[in-house]
Amino acid sequence: MTLPTQLVLRAFLEEPTEELYGLEVCARAQLASGTIHPILARLESVGWLVSRWEEADPHEQGRPRRRYYRLSPDGVVSARAALARATAGRNALGALRPGLAGGTG
């Protein structure tokens, strides 16, 4: 799992039931829009995220319509498990290769 995907998942796991639109995900994950939108699409395609378009009229709002995303119930469980595996893998790499990935040396 890529670091940007991990950052996006962590952004959603801060408040697992909260809906976020793209720019909110960008801000929380500290990633560019061009990076997060393919990740959001991929996570939605595997069922970890669900999305909906807001009802607001873009002309009245003076901005484009927003697409809101949130973790699905299975997505919460899967995201936590995937992040735990990623963290364990990073820790194992650090132990195997001192001086890299946060290891000592």
N, C-alpha and C. Protein backbone atom coordinates (compact mmCIF):
# COMPACT_ATOMS: atom_id res chain seq x y z
N MET A 1 0.85 -1.18 0.00
CA MET A 1 0.00 0.00 0.00
C MET A 1 0.90 1.24 0.00
N THR A 2 0.59 2.16 -0.89
CA THR A 2 1.42 3.36 -1.01
C THR A 2 1.22 4.29 0.19
N LEU A 3 2.22 5.11 0.44
CA LEU A 3 2.11 6.09 1.51
C LEU A 3 0.94 7.05 1.29
N PRO A 4 0.72 7.58 0.06
CA PRO A 4 -0.44 8.45 -0.14
C PRO A 4 -1.77 7.76 0.20
N THR A 5 -1.91 6.48 -0.15
CA THR A 5 -3.14 5.75 0.19
C THR A 5 -3.28 5.64 1.70
N GLN A 6 -2.18 5.38 2.38
CA GLN A 6 -2.22 5.31 3.84
C GLN A 6 -2.65 6.65 4.44
N LEU A 7 -2.14 7.74 3.89
CA LEU A 7 -2.51 9.07 4.40
C LEU A 7 -3.99 9.36 4.18
N VAL A 8 -4.52 8.96 3.03
CA VAL A 8 -5.95 9.15 2.76
C VAL A 8 -6.78 8.33 3.73
N LEU A 9 -6.41 7.09 3.94
CA LEU A 9 -7.16 6.25 4.88
C LEU A 9 -7.11 6.81 6.30
N ARG A 10 -5.95 7.28 6.71
CA ARG A 10 -5.84 7.87 8.04
C ARG A 10 -6.73 9.10 8.17
N ALA A 11 -6.84 9.89 7.10
CA ALA A 11 -7.72 11.06 7.12
C ALA A 11 -9.16 10.64 7.38
N PHE A 12 -9.60 9.59 6.73
CA PHE A 12 -10.97 9.11 6.95
C PHE A 12 -11.15 8.47 8.31
N LEU A 13 -10.13 7.81 8.81
CA LEU A 13 -10.25 7.12 10.10
C LEU A 13 -10.24 8.07 11.30
N GLU A 14 -9.87 9.34 11.09
CA GLU A 14 -9.94 10.31 12.19
C GLU A 14 -11.37 10.39 12.72
N GLU A 15 -12.34 10.38 11.84
CA GLU A 15 -13.77 10.36 12.18
C GLU A 15 -14.44 9.42 11.18
N PRO A 16 -14.47 8.12 11.46
CA PRO A 16 -14.88 7.13 10.46
C PRO A 16 -16.28 7.30 9.85
N THR A 17 -17.19 7.95 10.55
CA THR A 17 -18.55 8.10 10.00
C THR A 17 -18.75 9.44 9.31
N GLU A 18 -17.75 10.31 9.36
CA GLU A 18 -17.86 11.64 8.77
C GLU A 18 -17.68 11.59 7.25
N GLU A 19 -18.47 12.42 6.55
CA GLU A 19 -18.30 12.57 5.11
C GLU A 19 -17.29 13.68 4.84
N LEU A 20 -16.43 13.45 3.85
CA LEU A 20 -15.44 14.44 3.45
C LEU A 20 -15.52 14.62 1.94
N TYR A 21 -15.33 15.85 1.48
CA TYR A 21 -15.23 16.07 0.04
C TYR A 21 -13.75 16.18 -0.31
N GLY A 22 -13.45 16.14 -1.59
CA GLY A 22 -12.07 16.05 -2.06
C GLY A 22 -11.08 16.99 -1.42
N LEU A 23 -11.41 18.29 -1.38
CA LEU A 23 -10.44 19.25 -0.82
C LEU A 23 -10.23 19.05 0.68
N GLU A 24 -11.24 18.55 1.38
CA GLU A 24 -11.04 18.24 2.81
C GLU A 24 -10.07 17.07 2.96
N VAL A 25 -10.20 16.09 2.09
CA VAL A 25 -9.27 14.95 2.12
C VAL A 25 -7.86 15.44 1.81
N CYS A 26 -7.74 16.32 0.80
CA CYS A 26 -6.43 16.89 0.46
C CYS A 26 -5.79 17.56 1.67
N ALA A 27 -6.56 18.38 2.36
CA ALA A 27 -6.03 19.12 3.51
C ALA A 27 -5.63 18.18 4.64
N ARG A 28 -6.48 17.22 4.95
CA ARG A 28 -6.17 16.31 6.06
C ARG A 28 -5.00 15.39 5.75
N ALA A 29 -4.92 14.94 4.51
CA ALA A 29 -3.84 14.02 4.12
C ALA A 29 -2.59 14.77 3.67
N GLN A 30 -2.72 16.08 3.49
CA GLN A 30 -1.63 16.93 3.01
C GLN A 30 -1.09 16.42 1.66
N LEU A 31 -2.05 16.17 0.75
CA LEU A 31 -1.72 15.70 -0.59
C LEU A 31 -2.46 16.55 -1.61
N ALA A 32 -1.95 16.57 -2.83
CA ALA A 32 -2.57 17.34 -3.91
C ALA A 32 -3.80 16.63 -4.45
N SER A 33 -4.71 17.41 -5.00
CA SER A 33 -5.95 16.89 -5.57
C SER A 33 -5.70 15.80 -6.61
N GLY A 34 -4.72 16.02 -7.46
CA GLY A 34 -4.40 15.04 -8.49
C GLY A 34 -3.92 13.71 -7.94
N THR A 35 -3.46 13.72 -6.70
CA THR A 35 -3.02 12.49 -6.04
C THR A 35 -4.19 11.77 -5.39
N ILE A 36 -5.06 12.52 -4.73
CA ILE A 36 -6.10 11.85 -3.94
C ILE A 36 -7.27 11.33 -4.78
N HIS A 37 -7.61 12.00 -5.87
CA HIS A 37 -8.81 11.56 -6.61
C HIS A 37 -8.68 10.15 -7.19
N PRO A 38 -7.53 9.75 -7.75
CA PRO A 38 -7.41 8.34 -8.17
C PRO A 38 -7.49 7.38 -6.98
N ILE A 39 -6.97 7.78 -5.84
CA ILE A 39 -7.04 6.93 -4.64
C ILE A 39 -8.50 6.80 -4.20
N LEU A 40 -9.24 7.91 -4.17
CA LEU A 40 -10.65 7.85 -3.79
C LEU A 40 -11.43 6.93 -4.73
N ALA A 41 -11.18 7.05 -6.03
CA ALA A 41 -11.87 6.20 -7.01
C ALA A 41 -11.54 4.73 -6.78
N ARG A 42 -10.27 4.44 -6.53
CA ARG A 42 -9.86 3.05 -6.30
C ARG A 42 -10.48 2.49 -5.03
N LEU A 43 -10.48 3.28 -3.95
CA LEU A 43 -11.06 2.81 -2.69
C LEU A 43 -12.57 2.62 -2.81
N GLU A 44 -13.21 3.46 -3.61
CA GLU A 44 -14.64 3.29 -3.82
C GLU A 44 -14.91 2.03 -4.66
N SER A 45 -14.06 1.76 -5.65
CA SER A 45 -14.28 0.60 -6.52
C SER A 45 -14.15 -0.72 -5.77
N VAL A 46 -13.37 -0.74 -4.68
CA VAL A 46 -13.24 -1.97 -3.89
C VAL A 46 -14.20 -2.00 -2.71
N GLY A 47 -15.04 -0.97 -2.59
CA GLY A 47 -16.07 -0.98 -1.56
C GLY A 47 -15.67 -0.39 -0.22
N TRP A 48 -14.48 0.18 -0.12
CA TRP A 48 -14.06 0.77 1.15
C TRP A 48 -14.69 2.13 1.38
N LEU A 49 -15.00 2.84 0.31
CA LEU A 49 -15.64 4.15 0.38
C LEU A 49 -16.98 4.11 -0.34
N VAL A 50 -17.90 4.94 0.14
CA VAL A 50 -19.14 5.21 -0.59
C VAL A 50 -19.17 6.71 -0.81
N SER A 51 -19.86 7.13 -1.87
CA SER A 51 -19.88 8.56 -2.18
C SER A 51 -21.28 8.98 -2.59
N ARG A 52 -21.48 10.29 -2.55
CA ARG A 52 -22.72 10.88 -3.02
C ARG A 52 -22.42 12.30 -3.46
N TRP A 53 -23.20 12.79 -4.43
CA TRP A 53 -23.10 14.17 -4.85
C TRP A 53 -23.99 15.01 -3.97
N GLU A 54 -23.52 16.20 -3.58
CA GLU A 54 -24.35 17.08 -2.77
C GLU A 54 -25.54 17.56 -3.59
N GLU A 55 -26.59 17.94 -2.88
CA GLU A 55 -27.83 18.39 -3.51
C GLU A 55 -27.78 19.85 -3.93
N ALA A 56 -26.88 20.62 -3.38
CA ALA A 56 -26.83 22.08 -3.60
C ALA A 56 -26.68 22.43 -5.08
N ASP A 57 -27.28 23.54 -5.45
CA ASP A 57 -27.17 24.07 -6.81
C ASP A 57 -25.82 24.80 -6.93
N PRO A 58 -24.96 24.37 -7.86
CA PRO A 58 -23.64 24.99 -7.99
C PRO A 58 -23.71 26.49 -8.30
N HIS A 59 -24.74 26.92 -9.03
CA HIS A 59 -24.87 28.34 -9.36
C HIS A 59 -25.20 29.16 -8.11
N GLU A 60 -26.05 28.62 -7.26
CA GLU A 60 -26.38 29.31 -6.00
C GLU A 60 -25.18 29.34 -5.05
N GLN A 61 -24.42 28.26 -5.05
CA GLN A 61 -23.26 28.15 -4.16
C GLN A 61 -22.05 28.92 -4.68
N GLY A 62 -22.03 29.18 -5.97
CA GLY A 62 -20.89 29.87 -6.57
C GLY A 62 -19.64 29.00 -6.64
N ARG A 63 -19.84 27.68 -6.71
CA ARG A 63 -18.73 26.73 -6.79
C ARG A 63 -19.27 25.43 -7.39
N PRO A 64 -18.38 24.57 -7.84
CA PRO A 64 -18.84 23.27 -8.37
C PRO A 64 -19.50 22.43 -7.27
N ARG A 65 -20.35 21.53 -7.70
CA ARG A 65 -20.96 20.59 -6.76
C ARG A 65 -19.88 19.71 -6.14
N ARG A 66 -20.06 19.36 -4.89
CA ARG A 66 -19.08 18.53 -4.18
C ARG A 66 -19.53 17.08 -4.15
N ARG A 67 -18.55 16.21 -4.24
CA ARG A 67 -18.81 14.79 -4.06
C ARG A 67 -18.27 14.43 -2.68
N TYR A 68 -19.15 13.89 -1.85
CA TYR A 68 -18.78 13.53 -0.49
C TYR A 68 -18.50 12.04 -0.40
N TYR A 69 -17.45 11.70 0.34
CA TYR A 69 -17.03 10.32 0.54
C TYR A 69 -17.04 10.01 2.03
N ARG A 70 -17.30 8.75 2.33
CA ARG A 70 -17.15 8.26 3.70
C ARG A 70 -16.79 6.79 3.64
N LEU A 71 -16.19 6.32 4.70
CA LEU A 71 -15.85 4.90 4.77
C LEU A 71 -17.13 4.07 4.91
N SER A 72 -17.19 2.97 4.20
CA SER A 72 -18.28 2.01 4.40
C SER A 72 -17.97 1.25 5.70
N PRO A 73 -18.97 0.57 6.28
CA PRO A 73 -18.67 -0.22 7.48
C PRO A 73 -17.53 -1.22 7.25
N ASP A 74 -17.57 -1.93 6.12
CA ASP A 74 -16.47 -2.86 5.81
C ASP A 74 -15.17 -2.11 5.56
N GLY A 75 -15.28 -0.91 5.00
CA GLY A 75 -14.10 -0.09 4.74
C GLY A 75 -13.38 0.31 6.00
N VAL A 76 -14.13 0.60 7.06
CA VAL A 76 -13.51 0.95 8.35
C VAL A 76 -12.64 -0.21 8.82
N VAL A 77 -13.22 -1.41 8.81
CA VAL A 77 -12.50 -2.60 9.27
C VAL A 77 -11.29 -2.88 8.37
N SER A 78 -11.52 -2.83 7.05
CA SER A 78 -10.44 -3.11 6.10
C SER A 78 -9.32 -2.09 6.18
N ALA A 79 -9.68 -0.81 6.31
CA ALA A 79 -8.67 0.26 6.39
C ALA A 79 -7.81 0.09 7.64
N ARG A 80 -8.45 -0.17 8.76
CA ARG A 80 -7.67 -0.36 10.00
C ARG A 80 -6.73 -1.55 9.88
N ALA A 81 -7.22 -2.65 9.32
CA ALA A 81 -6.37 -3.84 9.15
C ALA A 81 -5.23 -3.57 8.19
N ALA A 82 -5.50 -2.90 7.08
CA ALA A 82 -4.47 -2.61 6.09
C ALA A 82 -3.40 -1.68 6.66
N LEU A 83 -3.83 -0.68 7.41
CA LEU A 83 -2.86 0.24 8.02
C LEU A 83 -2.02 -0.47 9.07
N ALA A 84 -2.63 -1.38 9.81
CA ALA A 84 -1.87 -2.15 10.81
C ALA A 84 -0.82 -3.01 10.11
N ARG A 85 -1.19 -3.64 8.99
CA ARG A 85 -0.22 -4.45 8.23
C ARG A 85 0.90 -3.58 7.68
N ALA A 86 0.54 -2.41 7.15
CA ALA A 86 1.55 -1.51 6.59
C ALA A 86 2.52 -1.04 7.66
N THR A 87 2.00 -0.72 8.83
CA THR A 87 2.85 -0.29 9.94
C THR A 87 3.74 -1.43 10.41
N ALA A 88 3.19 -2.63 10.50
CA ALA A 88 3.99 -3.79 10.92
C ALA A 88 5.09 -4.07 9.91
N GLY A 89 4.77 -3.94 8.63
CA GLY A 89 5.78 -4.15 7.58
C GLY A 89 6.89 -3.13 7.64
N ARG A 90 6.52 -1.88 7.90
CA ARG A 90 7.52 -0.81 8.02
C ARG A 90 8.41 -1.07 9.23
N ASN A 91 7.81 -1.51 10.34
CA ASN A 91 8.58 -1.79 11.55
C ASN A 91 9.52 -2.98 11.33
N ALA A 92 9.04 -4.00 10.62
CA ALA A 92 9.88 -5.17 10.34
C ALA A 92 11.05 -4.78 9.44
N LEU A 93 10.79 -3.94 8.44
CA LEU A 93 11.87 -3.49 7.56
C LEU A 93 12.92 -2.73 8.35
N GLY A 94 12.50 -1.89 9.27
CA GLY A 94 13.43 -1.13 10.09
C GLY A 94 14.29 -2.03 10.96
N ALA A 95 13.70 -3.11 11.44
CA ALA A 95 14.45 -4.04 12.28
C ALA A 95 15.46 -4.84 11.46
N LEU A 96 15.10 -5.14 10.22
CA LEU A 96 15.98 -5.92 9.36
C LEU A 96 17.12 -5.10 8.76
N ARG A 97 16.84 -3.79 8.53
CA ARG A 97 17.83 -2.95 7.86
C ARG A 97 18.10 -1.72 8.71
N PRO A 98 18.95 -1.86 9.71
CA PRO A 98 19.25 -0.70 10.56
C PRO A 98 19.68 0.51 9.74
N GLY A 99 19.20 1.65 10.17
CA GLY A 99 19.52 2.90 9.50
C GLY A 99 18.49 3.30 8.45
N LEU A 100 17.61 2.39 8.09
CA LEU A 100 16.55 2.68 7.13
C LEU A 100 15.19 2.52 7.81
N ALA A 101 14.21 3.17 7.28
CA ALA A 101 12.82 3.04 7.74
C ALA A 101 12.69 3.25 9.23
N GLY A 102 13.46 4.13 9.78
CA GLY A 102 13.33 4.45 11.20
C GLY A 102 14.10 3.54 12.12
N GLY A 103 14.89 2.63 11.56
CA GLY A 103 15.68 1.74 12.40
C GLY A 103 16.86 2.50 13.00
N THR A 104 17.61 1.82 13.84
CA THR A 104 18.76 2.46 14.46
C THR A 104 20.00 2.18 13.63
N GLY A 105 21.00 2.97 13.84
CA GLY A 105 22.22 2.64 13.14
C GLY A 105 22.92 3.81 12.74
